[in-house]
């Protein structure tokens, strides 16, 4: 990535995160965290990665679906914030970042392996 695309990606990540926690906080439940953003070389598309704090996968999926429905409103709010810093507001594409859930799953698997090893060999 060039310096320009990295700077625009950071700007978009920061401002969308702020929008989701202020203007769209009541509409996007449970709480959303913007974990990353990247933009195409021509700055026409922004790929925004979002994770949700939710008890179940169904809750996170429903929140993500609702977020995707709000994309035009979020893009308009973003445009109001960054219109003086970029010529054209990029199209926003949201992706669900399930890295935290995958990490929890791996931790649970590793804990189970440790328990089984301790049961089989309590001395070592």
Protein backbone atom coordinates (compact mmCIF):
# COMPACT_ATOMS: atom_id res chain seq x y z
CA UNK A 1 0.00 0.00 0.00
CA UNK A 2 1.16 3.50 -0.69
CA UNK A 3 1.40 6.14 1.98
CA UNK A 4 -1.71 7.85 0.60
CA UNK A 5 -3.86 4.71 0.67
CA UNK A 6 -2.66 3.84 4.18
CA UNK A 7 -3.47 7.33 5.41
CA UNK A 8 -6.95 7.26 3.85
CA UNK A 9 -7.56 3.76 5.26
CA UNK A 10 -6.63 4.93 8.78
CA UNK A 11 -8.84 8.00 8.39
CA UNK A 12 -11.79 5.87 7.29
CA UNK A 13 -11.22 3.30 10.04
CA UNK A 14 -11.09 5.98 12.73
CA UNK A 15 -14.10 7.93 11.49
CA UNK A 16 -16.32 4.90 10.88
CA UNK A 17 -15.45 3.58 14.34
CA UNK A 18 -16.42 6.93 15.81
CA UNK A 19 -19.65 7.03 13.80
CA UNK A 20 -20.64 3.53 14.92
CA UNK A 21 -20.08 4.45 18.55
CA UNK A 22 -21.84 7.84 18.39
CA UNK A 23 -24.36 8.52 15.62
CA UNK A 24 -25.20 4.87 14.93
CA UNK A 25 -24.70 3.43 18.42
CA UNK A 26 -28.40 2.78 19.03
CA UNK A 27 -28.92 1.27 15.58
CA UNK A 28 -25.92 -1.06 15.68
CA UNK A 29 -26.33 -3.40 18.63
CA UNK A 30 -24.37 -5.13 20.12
CA UNK A 31 -21.37 -2.81 20.17
CA UNK A 32 -19.27 -2.79 17.01
CA UNK A 33 -15.50 -2.45 16.78
CA UNK A 34 -13.76 -1.51 13.55
CA UNK A 35 -10.74 -3.80 13.50
CA UNK A 36 -9.25 -2.67 10.21
CA UNK A 37 -9.71 -0.90 6.91
CA UNK A 38 -7.98 -0.87 3.58
CA UNK A 39 -8.68 0.97 0.37
CA UNK A 40 -8.04 0.19 -3.27
CA UNK A 41 -5.19 1.96 -5.07
CA UNK A 42 -7.60 4.36 -6.77
CA UNK A 43 -9.32 5.06 -3.39
CA UNK A 44 -12.69 4.09 -4.86
CA UNK A 45 -13.52 1.21 -2.48
CA UNK A 46 -12.92 0.91 1.24
CA UNK A 47 -12.95 -2.54 2.81
CA UNK A 48 -13.89 -2.15 6.47
CA UNK A 49 -13.54 -5.04 8.93
CA UNK A 50 -15.90 -5.03 11.89
CA UNK A 51 -16.35 -7.29 14.91
CA UNK A 52 -19.27 -7.33 17.30
CA UNK A 53 -19.48 -8.09 20.98
CA UNK A 54 -22.34 -10.52 21.23
CA UNK A 55 -23.22 -13.60 23.19
CA UNK A 56 -24.12 -15.76 20.21
CA UNK A 57 -23.04 -16.05 16.62
CA UNK A 58 -26.64 -15.39 15.56
CA UNK A 59 -26.61 -12.04 17.39
CA UNK A 60 -23.35 -11.05 15.68
CA UNK A 61 -24.63 -12.12 12.27
CA UNK A 62 -27.87 -10.18 12.75
CA UNK A 63 -25.94 -7.07 13.83
CA UNK A 64 -23.64 -7.41 10.81
CA UNK A 65 -26.62 -7.78 8.46
CA UNK A 66 -28.18 -4.64 9.95
CA UNK A 67 -24.86 -2.79 9.58
CA UNK A 68 -24.76 -3.69 5.89
CA UNK A 69 -28.27 -2.25 5.50
CA UNK A 70 -27.04 1.01 7.09
CA UNK A 71 -24.10 1.32 4.67
CA UNK A 72 -25.59 4.20 2.60
CA UNK A 73 -26.32 6.25 5.73
CA UNK A 74 -22.87 5.51 7.17
CA UNK A 75 -21.22 6.52 3.88
CA UNK A 76 -23.18 9.80 3.86
CA UNK A 77 -22.17 10.54 7.46
CA UNK A 78 -18.56 9.67 6.60
CA UNK A 79 -18.72 12.02 3.60
CA UNK A 80 -19.77 14.89 5.85
CA UNK A 81 -16.72 14.26 8.02
CA UNK A 82 -13.97 13.70 5.44
CA UNK A 83 -15.19 15.63 2.39
CA UNK A 84 -12.39 18.19 2.74
CA UNK A 85 -9.69 15.51 2.97
CA UNK A 86 -10.53 13.30 -0.01
CA UNK A 87 -11.88 14.14 -3.46
CA UNK A 88 -14.25 11.22 -3.76
CA UNK A 89 -15.86 9.29 -0.91
CA UNK A 90 -15.10 5.60 -1.45
CA UNK A 91 -17.76 2.93 -1.65
CA UNK A 92 -17.82 1.07 1.67
CA UNK A 93 -17.83 -2.72 1.87
CA UNK A 94 -18.14 -4.21 5.34
CA UNK A 95 -16.69 -7.57 6.30
CA UNK A 96 -17.30 -9.46 9.52
CA UNK A 97 -14.03 -9.97 11.39
CA UNK A 98 -14.44 -13.11 13.47
CA UNK A 99 -10.81 -13.28 14.62
CA UNK A 100 -11.78 -12.98 18.29
CA UNK A 101 -14.24 -15.86 18.05
CA UNK A 102 -11.65 -18.00 16.27
CA UNK A 103 -9.09 -17.21 18.98
CA UNK A 104 -11.57 -18.17 21.72
CA UNK A 105 -12.33 -21.41 19.92
CA UNK A 106 -8.61 -22.24 19.61
CA UNK A 107 -8.07 -21.45 23.31
CA UNK A 108 -10.93 -23.79 24.23
CA UNK A 109 -9.46 -26.55 22.06
CA UNK A 110 -6.00 -26.12 23.58
CA UNK A 111 -7.46 -26.15 27.10
CA UNK A 112 -9.27 -29.40 26.31
CA UNK A 113 -6.04 -30.96 25.02
CA UNK A 114 -4.20 -29.92 28.20
CA UNK A 115 -6.96 -31.42 30.37
CA UNK A 116 -6.85 -34.71 28.46
CA UNK A 117 -3.06 -34.90 28.78
CA UNK A 118 -3.25 -34.23 32.51
CA UNK A 119 -5.88 -36.96 32.93
CA UNK A 120 -3.80 -39.49 31.01
CA UNK A 121 -0.50 -38.60 32.66
CA UNK A 122 -1.10 -36.92 36.04
CA UNK A 123 2.62 -37.08 36.98
CA UNK A 124 4.09 -35.37 33.96
